[in-house]
């Protein structure tokens, strides 16, 4: 279910496979519509979350994949609010 509130509407019951696929280009365009600092944070959040997923939660490996120092990765995780997500 995709409902954020108490009321469930038919569009909240759509299967993911029935939804049109979003392209990387449309994701990029969405970032361009944000204010600059928000688009940079959104991009960092996406890249770090992806690196953590690919490294199966290993921050050392994720930092290596991103080409940054592990300490910087820890700071970014905290700043961007990824702490709870990466522990899930």
PDB file of N, CA and C in Angstrom:
ATOM      1  N   UNK A   1       0.841  -1.179   0.000  1.00  0.00           N
ATOM      2  CA  UNK A   1       0.000   0.000   0.000  1.00  0.00           C
ATOM      3  C   UNK A   1       0.882   1.236   0.000  1.00  0.00           C
ATOM      4  N   UNK A   2       0.436   2.241  -0.682  1.00  0.00           N
ATOM      5  CA  UNK A   2       1.221   3.450  -0.840  1.00  0.00           C
ATOM      6  C   UNK A   2       0.599   4.657  -0.168  1.00  0.00           C
ATOM      7  N   UNK A   3      -0.434   4.464   0.631  1.00  0.00           N
ATOM      8  CA  UNK A   3      -1.130   5.561   1.285  1.00  0.00           C
ATOM      9  C   UNK A   3      -0.300   6.138   2.417  1.00  0.00           C
ATOM     10  N   UNK A   4      -0.271   7.455   2.500  1.00  0.00           N
ATOM     11  CA  UNK A   4       0.428   8.137   3.587  1.00  0.00           C
ATOM     12  C   UNK A   4      -0.544   8.518   4.707  1.00  0.00           C
ATOM     13  N   UNK A   5      -1.825   8.488   4.426  1.00  0.00           N
ATOM     14  CA  UNK A   5      -2.819   8.901   5.410  1.00  0.00           C
ATOM     15  C   UNK A   5      -3.709   7.752   5.828  1.00  0.00           C
ATOM     16  N   UNK A   6      -4.844   8.106   6.410  1.00  0.00           N
ATOM     17  CA  UNK A   6      -5.783   7.097   6.897  1.00  0.00           C
ATOM     18  C   UNK A   6      -6.696   6.560   5.802  1.00  0.00           C
ATOM     19  N   UNK A   7      -6.866   7.322   4.720  1.00  0.00           N
ATOM     20  CA  UNK A   7      -7.753   6.924   3.637  1.00  0.00           C
ATOM     21  C   UNK A   7      -6.943   6.218   2.557  1.00  0.00           C
ATOM     22  N   UNK A   8      -7.416   5.038   2.145  1.00  0.00           N
ATOM     23  CA  UNK A   8      -6.759   4.280   1.080  1.00  0.00           C
ATOM     24  C   UNK A   8      -7.596   4.433  -0.183  1.00  0.00           C
ATOM     25  N   UNK A   9      -6.977   4.989  -1.203  1.00  0.00           N
ATOM     26  CA  UNK A   9      -7.635   5.197  -2.479  1.00  0.00           C
ATOM     27  C   UNK A   9      -7.166   4.139  -3.475  1.00  0.00           C
ATOM     28  N   UNK A  10      -7.896   3.927  -4.568  1.00  0.00           N
ATOM     29  CA  UNK A  10      -7.492   2.913  -5.551  1.00  0.00           C
ATOM     30  C   UNK A  10      -6.069   3.064  -6.058  1.00  0.00           C
ATOM     31  N   UNK A  11      -5.616   4.310  -6.248  1.00  0.00           N
ATOM     32  CA  UNK A  11      -4.250   4.505  -6.756  1.00  0.00           C
ATOM     33  C   UNK A  11      -3.184   4.073  -5.752  1.00  0.00           C
ATOM     34  N   UNK A  12      -3.553   3.935  -4.492  1.00  0.00           N
ATOM     35  CA  UNK A  12      -2.612   3.462  -3.473  1.00  0.00           C
ATOM     36  C   UNK A  12      -2.401   1.949  -3.541  1.00  0.00           C
ATOM     37  N   UNK A  13      -3.230   1.262  -4.276  1.00  0.00           N
ATOM     38  CA  UNK A  13      -3.161  -0.193  -4.368  1.00  0.00           C
ATOM     39  C   UNK A  13      -2.524  -0.679  -5.652  1.00  0.00           C
ATOM     40  N   UNK A  14      -1.963   0.210  -6.444  1.00  0.00           N
ATOM     41  CA  UNK A  14      -1.325  -0.146  -7.703  1.00  0.00           C
ATOM     42  C   UNK A  14      -0.033  -0.907  -7.416  1.00  0.00           C
ATOM     43  N   UNK A  15       0.162  -2.017  -8.113  1.00  0.00           N
ATOM     44  CA  UNK A  15       1.395  -2.771  -7.971  1.00  0.00           C
ATOM     45  C   UNK A  15       2.536  -1.998  -8.600  1.00  0.00           C
ATOM     46  N   UNK A  16       3.715  -2.118  -8.018  1.00  0.00           N
ATOM     47  CA  UNK A  16       4.887  -1.407  -8.533  1.00  0.00           C
ATOM     48  C   UNK A  16       5.141  -1.750  -9.996  1.00  0.00           C
ATOM     49  N   UNK A  17       4.965  -2.999 -10.382  1.00  0.00           N
ATOM     50  CA  UNK A  17       5.240  -3.399 -11.761  1.00  0.00           C
ATOM     51  C   UNK A  17       4.264  -2.761 -12.746  1.00  0.00           C
ATOM     52  N   UNK A  18       3.101  -2.308 -12.254  1.00  0.00           N
ATOM     53  CA  UNK A  18       2.117  -1.682 -13.125  1.00  0.00           C
ATOM     54  C   UNK A  18       2.399  -0.196 -13.323  1.00  0.00           C
ATOM     55  N   UNK A  19       3.268   0.363 -12.530  1.00  0.00           N
ATOM     56  CA  UNK A  19       3.615   1.772 -12.654  1.00  0.00           C
ATOM     57  C   UNK A  19       4.610   1.967 -13.790  1.00  0.00           C
ATOM     58  N   UNK A  20       4.527   3.104 -14.468  1.00  0.00           N
ATOM     59  CA  UNK A  20       5.529   3.367 -15.505  1.00  0.00           C
ATOM     60  C   UNK A  20       6.909   3.517 -14.866  1.00  0.00           C
ATOM     61  N   UNK A  21       7.893   2.964 -15.508  1.00  0.00           N
ATOM     62  CA  UNK A  21       9.267   3.025 -14.987  1.00  0.00           C
ATOM     63  C   UNK A  21       9.782   4.451 -15.080  1.00  0.00           C
ATOM     64  N   UNK A  22      10.428   4.899 -13.994  1.00  0.00           N
ATOM     65  CA  UNK A  22      11.062   6.213 -14.008  1.00  0.00           C
ATOM     66  C   UNK A  22      12.457   6.051 -14.565  1.00  0.00           C
ATOM     67  N   UNK A  23      12.830   6.980 -15.385  1.00  0.00           N
ATOM     68  CA  UNK A  23      14.159   6.907 -15.975  1.00  0.00           C
ATOM     69  C   UNK A  23      15.142   7.709 -15.142  1.00  0.00           C
ATOM     70  N   UNK A  24      16.416   7.426 -15.330  1.00  0.00           N
ATOM     71  CA  UNK A  24      17.457   8.194 -14.651  1.00  0.00           C
ATOM     72  C   UNK A  24      17.376   9.648 -15.084  1.00  0.00           C
ATOM     73  N   UNK A  25      16.987   9.877 -16.334  1.00  0.00           N
ATOM     74  CA  UNK A  25      16.867  11.251 -16.827  1.00  0.00           C
ATOM     75  C   UNK A  25      15.778  12.006 -16.078  1.00  0.00           C
ATOM     76  N   UNK A  26      14.644  11.356 -15.793  1.00  0.00           N
ATOM     77  CA  UNK A  26      13.577  12.045 -15.057  1.00  0.00           C
ATOM     78  C   UNK A  26      13.991  12.301 -13.618  1.00  0.00           C
ATOM     79  N   UNK A  27      14.759  11.387 -13.014  1.00  0.00           N
ATOM     80  CA  UNK A  27      15.284  11.618 -11.667  1.00  0.00           C
ATOM     81  C   UNK A  27      16.236  12.805 -11.668  1.00  0.00           C
ATOM     82  N   UNK A  28      17.078  12.887 -12.685  1.00  0.00           N
ATOM     83  CA  UNK A  28      18.023  13.993 -12.812  1.00  0.00           C
ATOM     84  C   UNK A  28      17.278  15.308 -12.993  1.00  0.00           C
ATOM     85  N   UNK A  29      16.261  15.310 -13.828  1.00  0.00           N
ATOM     86  CA  UNK A  29      15.461  16.518 -14.057  1.00  0.00           C
ATOM     87  C   UNK A  29      14.800  16.967 -12.760  1.00  0.00           C
ATOM     88  N   UNK A  30      14.331  16.026 -11.945  1.00  0.00           N
ATOM     89  CA  UNK A  30      13.708  16.376 -10.676  1.00  0.00           C
ATOM     90  C   UNK A  30      14.715  17.063  -9.757  1.00  0.00           C
ATOM     91  N   UNK A  31      15.963  16.602  -9.760  1.00  0.00           N
ATOM     92  CA  UNK A  31      16.998  17.236  -8.950  1.00  0.00           C
ATOM     93  C   UNK A  31      17.272  18.661  -9.415  1.00  0.00           C
ATOM     94  N   UNK A  32      17.206  18.893 -10.717  1.00  0.00           N
ATOM     95  CA  UNK A  32      17.461  20.223 -11.260  1.00  0.00           C
ATOM     96  C   UNK A  32      16.389  21.230 -10.864  1.00  0.00           C
ATOM     97  N   UNK A  33      15.203  20.747 -10.525  1.00  0.00           N
ATOM     98  CA  UNK A  33      14.115  21.635 -10.136  1.00  0.00           C
ATOM     99  C   UNK A  33      14.222  22.095  -8.683  1.00  0.00           C
ATOM    100  N   UNK A  34      15.074  21.450  -7.896  1.00  0.00           N
ATOM    101  CA  UNK A  34      15.254  21.827  -6.493  1.00  0.00           C
ATOM    102  C   UNK A  34      16.213  22.998  -6.363  1.00  0.00           C
ATOM    103  N   UNK A  35      16.128  23.738  -5.255  1.00  0.00           N
ATOM    104  CA  UNK A  35      17.167  24.739  -4.995  1.00  0.00           C
ATOM    105  C   UNK A  35      18.524  24.042  -4.932  1.00  0.00           C
ATOM    106  N   UNK A  36      19.580  24.769  -5.261  1.00  0.00           N
ATOM    107  CA  UNK A  36      20.903  24.180  -5.413  1.00  0.00           C
ATOM    108  C   UNK A  36      21.326  23.325  -4.215  1.00  0.00           C
ATOM    109  N   UNK A  37      21.274  23.880  -3.010  1.00  0.00           N
ATOM    110  CA  UNK A  37      21.752  23.128  -1.839  1.00  0.00           C
ATOM    111  C   UNK A  37      20.929  21.874  -1.602  1.00  0.00           C
ATOM    112  N   UNK A  38      19.625  21.923  -1.903  1.00  0.00           N
ATOM    113  CA  UNK A  38      18.777  20.749  -1.736  1.00  0.00           C
ATOM    114  C   UNK A  38      19.110  19.681  -2.773  1.00  0.00           C
ATOM    115  N   UNK A  39      19.423  20.105  -4.001  1.00  0.00           N
ATOM    116  CA  UNK A  39      19.757  19.119  -5.038  1.00  0.00           C
ATOM    117  C   UNK A  39      21.089  18.442  -4.730  1.00  0.00           C
ATOM    118  N   UNK A  40      22.051  19.198  -4.176  1.00  0.00           N
ATOM    119  CA  UNK A  40      23.345  18.615  -3.809  1.00  0.00           C
ATOM    120  C   UNK A  40      23.140  17.590  -2.688  1.00  0.00           C
ATOM    121  N   UNK A  41      22.341  17.945  -1.675  1.00  0.00           N
ATOM    122  CA  UNK A  41      22.080  17.015  -0.578  1.00  0.00           C
ATOM    123  C   UNK A  41      21.336  15.771  -1.065  1.00  0.00           C
ATOM    124  N   UNK A  42      20.376  15.960  -1.947  1.00  0.00           N
ATOM    125  CA  UNK A  42      19.622  14.811  -2.477  1.00  0.00           C
ATOM    126  C   UNK A  42      20.548  13.881  -3.262  1.00  0.00           C
ATOM    127  N   UNK A  43      21.439  14.463  -4.066  1.00  0.00           N
ATOM    128  CA  UNK A  43      22.392  13.663  -4.840  1.00  0.00           C
ATOM    129  C   UNK A  43      23.326  12.897  -3.910  1.00  0.00           C
ATOM    130  N   UNK A  44      23.859  13.575  -2.900  1.00  0.00           N
ATOM    131  CA  UNK A  44      24.743  12.911  -1.936  1.00  0.00           C
ATOM    132  C   UNK A  44      24.006  11.778  -1.221  1.00  0.00           C
ATOM    133  N   UNK A  45      22.761  12.046  -0.820  1.00  0.00           N
ATOM    134  CA  UNK A  45      21.965  11.030  -0.126  1.00  0.00           C
ATOM    135  C   UNK A  45      21.788   9.787  -1.005  1.00  0.00           C
ATOM    136  N   UNK A  46      21.464  10.010  -2.280  1.00  0.00           N
ATOM    137  CA  UNK A  46      21.278   8.885  -3.209  1.00  0.00           C
ATOM    138  C   UNK A  46      22.574   8.095  -3.401  1.00  0.00           C
ATOM    139  N   UNK A  47      23.678   8.812  -3.614  1.00  0.00           N
ATOM    140  CA  UNK A  47      24.974   8.150  -3.859  1.00  0.00           C
ATOM    141  C   UNK A  47      25.430   7.359  -2.637  1.00  0.00           C
ATOM    142  N   UNK A  48      25.288   7.956  -1.446  1.00  0.00           N
ATOM    143  CA  UNK A  48      25.736   7.280  -0.230  1.00  0.00           C
ATOM    144  C   UNK A  48      24.847   6.070   0.063  1.00  0.00           C
ATOM    145  N   UNK A  49      23.545   6.228  -0.070  1.00  0.00           N
ATOM    146  CA  UNK A  49      22.636   5.097   0.165  1.00  0.00           C
ATOM    147  C   UNK A  49      22.947   3.954  -0.798  1.00  0.00           C
ATOM    148  N   UNK A  50      23.216   4.284  -2.043  1.00  0.00           N
ATOM    149  CA  UNK A  50      23.539   3.252  -3.038  1.00  0.00           C
ATOM    150  C   UNK A  50      24.861   2.560  -2.700  1.00  0.00           C
ATOM    151  N   UNK A  51      25.867   3.347  -2.312  1.00  0.00           N
ATOM    152  CA  UNK A  51      27.164   2.762  -1.956  1.00  0.00           C
ATOM    153  C   UNK A  51      27.036   1.858  -0.734  1.00  0.00           C
ATOM    154  N   UNK A  52      26.236   2.273   0.253  1.00  0.00           N
ATOM    155  CA  UNK A  52      26.028   1.436   1.440  1.00  0.00           C
ATOM    156  C   UNK A  52      25.301   0.143   1.079  1.00  0.00           C
ATOM    157  N   UNK A  53      24.333   0.254   0.185  1.00  0.00           N
ATOM    158  CA  UNK A  53      23.602  -0.933  -0.253  1.00  0.00           C
ATOM    159  C   UNK A  53      24.534  -1.884  -1.006  1.00  0.00           C
ATOM    160  N   UNK A  54      25.323  -1.354  -1.915  1.00  0.00           N
ATOM    161  CA  UNK A  54      26.234  -2.182  -2.710  1.00  0.00           C
ATOM    162  C   UNK A  54      27.318  -2.828  -1.851  1.00  0.00           C
ATOM    163  N   UNK A  55      27.684  -2.159  -0.760  1.00  0.00           N
ATOM    164  CA  UNK A  55      28.723  -2.698   0.115  1.00  0.00           C
ATOM    165  C   UNK A  55      28.131  -3.465   1.287  1.00  0.00           C
ATOM    166  N   UNK A  56      26.831  -3.733   1.219  1.00  0.00           N
ATOM    167  CA  UNK A  56      26.113  -4.491   2.247  1.00  0.00           C
ATOM    168  C   UNK A  56      26.302  -3.883   3.636  1.00  0.00           C
ATOM    169  N   UNK A  57      26.289  -2.547   3.699  1.00  0.00           N
ATOM    170  CA  UNK A  57      26.362  -1.829   4.955  1.00  0.00           C
ATOM    171  C   UNK A  57      27.763  -1.525   5.453  1.00  0.00           C
ATOM    172  N   UNK A  58      28.793  -2.010   4.767  1.00  0.00           N
ATOM    173  CA  UNK A  58      30.171  -1.741   5.191  1.00  0.00           C
ATOM    174  C   UNK A  58      30.536  -0.297   4.861  1.00  0.00           C
ATOM    175  N   UNK A  59      30.696   0.508   5.900  1.00  0.00           N
ATOM    176  CA  UNK A  59      31.028   1.914   5.679  1.00  0.00           C
ATOM    177  C   UNK A  59      32.420   2.066   5.077  1.00  0.00           C
ATOM    178  N   UNK A  60      33.345   1.209   5.463  1.00  0.00           N
ATOM    179  CA  UNK A  60      34.698   1.263   4.906  1.00  0.00           C
ATOM    180  C   UNK A  60      34.649   1.019   3.409  1.00  0.00           C
ATOM    181  N   UNK A  61      33.914  -0.005   2.994  1.00  0.00           N
ATOM    182  CA  UNK A  61      33.800  -0.313   1.572  1.00  0.00           C
ATOM    183  C   UNK A  61      33.017   0.771   0.835  1.00  0.00           C
ATOM    184  N   UNK A  62      31.955   1.289   1.469  1.00  0.00           N
ATOM    185  CA  UNK A  62      31.161   2.346   0.840  1.00  0.00           C
ATOM    186  C   UNK A  62      32.017   3.591   0.615  1.00  0.00           C
ATOM    187  N   UNK A  63      32.827   3.964   1.601  1.00  0.00           N
ATOM    188  CA  UNK A  63      33.710   5.125   1.455  1.00  0.00           C
ATOM    189  C   UNK A  63      34.698   4.900   0.319  1.00  0.00           C
ATOM    190  N   UNK A  64      35.238   3.693   0.219  1.00  0.00           N
ATOM    191  CA  UNK A  64      36.170   3.375  -0.867  1.00  0.00           C
ATOM    192  C   UNK A  64      35.474   3.502  -2.215  1.00  0.00           C
ATOM    193  N   UNK A  65      34.251   2.988  -2.311  1.00  0.00           N
ATOM    194  CA  UNK A  65      33.492   3.077  -3.561  1.00  0.00           C
ATOM    195  C   UNK A  65      33.226   4.526  -3.964  1.00  0.00           C
ATOM    196  N   UNK A  66      33.003   5.374  -2.957  1.00  0.00           N
ATOM    197  CA  UNK A  66      32.717   6.783  -3.211  1.00  0.00           C
ATOM    198  C   UNK A  66      33.974   7.622  -3.411  1.00  0.00           C
ATOM    199  N   UNK A  67      35.117   7.066  -3.043  1.00  0.00           N
ATOM    200  CA  UNK A  67      36.366   7.792  -3.179  1.00  0.00           C
ATOM    201  C   UNK A  67      36.544   8.871  -2.123  1.00  0.00           C
ATOM    202  N   UNK A  68      35.970   8.632  -0.929  1.00  0.00           N
ATOM    203  CA  UNK A  68      36.101   9.590   0.164  1.00  0.00           C
ATOM    204  C   UNK A  68      36.639   8.879   1.401  1.00  0.00           C
ATOM    205  N   UNK A  69      37.128   9.667   2.352  1.00  0.00           N
ATOM    206  CA  UNK A  69      37.628   9.108   3.605  1.00  0.00           C
ATOM    207  C   UNK A  69      36.443   8.616   4.436  1.00  0.00           C
ATOM    208  N   UNK A  70      36.655   7.546   5.177  1.00  0.00           N
ATOM    209  CA  UNK A  70      35.605   6.951   6.000  1.00  0.00           C
ATOM    210  C   UNK A  70      35.024   7.961   6.993  1.00  0.00           C
ATOM    211  N   UNK A  71      35.865   8.801   7.564  1.00  0.00           N
ATOM    212  CA  UNK A  71      35.400   9.812   8.520  1.00  0.00           C
ATOM    213  C   UNK A  71      34.410  10.767   7.858  1.00  0.00           C
ATOM    214  N   UNK A  72      34.693  11.168   6.606  1.00  0.00           N
ATOM    215  CA  UNK A  72      33.778  12.045   5.885  1.00  0.00           C
ATOM    216  C   UNK A  72      32.448  11.340   5.629  1.00  0.00           C
ATOM    217  N   UNK A  73      32.512  10.048   5.323  1.00  0.00           N
ATOM    218  CA  UNK A  73      31.279   9.296   5.112  1.00  0.00           C
ATOM    219  C   UNK A  73      30.426   9.295   6.379  1.00  0.00           C
ATOM    220  N   UNK A  74      31.030   9.050   7.537  1.00  0.00           N
ATOM    221  CA  UNK A  74      30.297   9.081   8.805  1.00  0.00           C
ATOM    222  C   UNK A  74      29.632  10.441   9.011  1.00  0.00           C
ATOM    223  N   UNK A  75      30.363  11.530   8.721  1.00  0.00           N
ATOM    224  CA  UNK A  75      29.816  12.874   8.881  1.00  0.00           C
ATOM    225  C   UNK A  75      28.633  13.102   7.942  1.00  0.00           C
ATOM    226  N   UNK A  76      28.773  12.654   6.692  1.00  0.00           N
ATOM    227  CA  UNK A  76      27.696  12.821   5.715  1.00  0.00           C
ATOM    228  C   UNK A  76      26.467  12.002   6.117  1.00  0.00           C
ATOM    229  N   UNK A  77      26.671  10.780   6.590  1.00  0.00           N
ATOM    230  CA  UNK A  77      25.556   9.932   7.023  1.00  0.00           C
ATOM    231  C   UNK A  77      24.763  10.637   8.119  1.00  0.00           C
ATOM    232  N   UNK A  78      25.467  11.213   9.070  1.00  0.00           N
ATOM    233  CA  UNK A  78      24.803  11.915  10.169  1.00  0.00           C
ATOM    234  C   UNK A  78      24.106  13.175   9.666  1.00  0.00           C
ATOM    235  N   UNK A  79      24.803  13.980   8.866  1.00  0.00           N
ATOM    236  CA  UNK A  79      24.254  15.238   8.365  1.00  0.00           C
ATOM    237  C   UNK A  79      23.019  15.028   7.502  1.00  0.00           C
ATOM    238  N   UNK A  80      23.045  13.994   6.660  1.00  0.00           N
ATOM    239  CA  UNK A  80      21.957  13.758   5.712  1.00  0.00           C
ATOM    240  C   UNK A  80      20.834  12.909   6.289  1.00  0.00           C
ATOM    241  N   UNK A  81      20.969  12.515   7.554  1.00  0.00           N
ATOM    242  CA  UNK A  81      19.905  11.741   8.195  1.00  0.00           C
ATOM    243  C   UNK A  81      19.794  10.320   7.694  1.00  0.00           C
ATOM    244  N   UNK A  82      20.901   9.739   7.279  1.00  0.00           N
ATOM    245  CA  UNK A  82      20.890   8.357   6.786  1.00  0.00           C
ATOM    246  C   UNK A  82      21.154   7.344   7.889  1.00  0.00           C
ATOM    247  N   UNK A  83      21.384   7.801   9.110  1.00  0.00           N
ATOM    248  CA  UNK A  83      21.740   6.903  10.205  1.00  0.00           C
ATOM    249  C   UNK A  83      20.706   5.792  10.398  1.00  0.00           C
ATOM    250  N   UNK A  84      19.423   6.157  10.479  1.00  0.00           N
ATOM    251  CA  UNK A  84      18.396   5.151  10.721  1.00  0.00           C
ATOM    252  C   UNK A  84      18.225   4.234   9.520  1.00  0.00           C
ATOM    253  N   UNK A  85      18.364   4.780   8.291  1.00  0.00           N
ATOM    254  CA  UNK A  85      18.205   3.974   7.086  1.00  0.00           C
ATOM    255  C   UNK A  85      19.316   2.941   6.941  1.00  0.00           C
ATOM    256  N   UNK A  86      20.537   3.346   7.227  1.00  0.00           N
ATOM    257  CA  UNK A  86      21.644   2.424   7.018  1.00  0.00           C
ATOM    258  C   UNK A  86      21.684   1.324   8.063  1.00  0.00           C
ATOM    259  N   UNK A  87      20.990   1.511   9.191  1.00  0.00           N
ATOM    260  CA  UNK A  87      20.911   0.457  10.204  1.00  0.00           C
ATOM    261  C   UNK A  87      19.770  -0.487   9.950  1.00  0.00           C
ATOM    262  N   UNK A  88      18.881  -0.146   9.023  1.00  0.00           N
ATOM    263  CA  UNK A  88      17.705  -0.966   8.743  1.00  0.00           C
ATOM    264  C   UNK A  88      18.070  -2.199   7.954  1.00  0.00           C
TER     265      UNK A  88
END
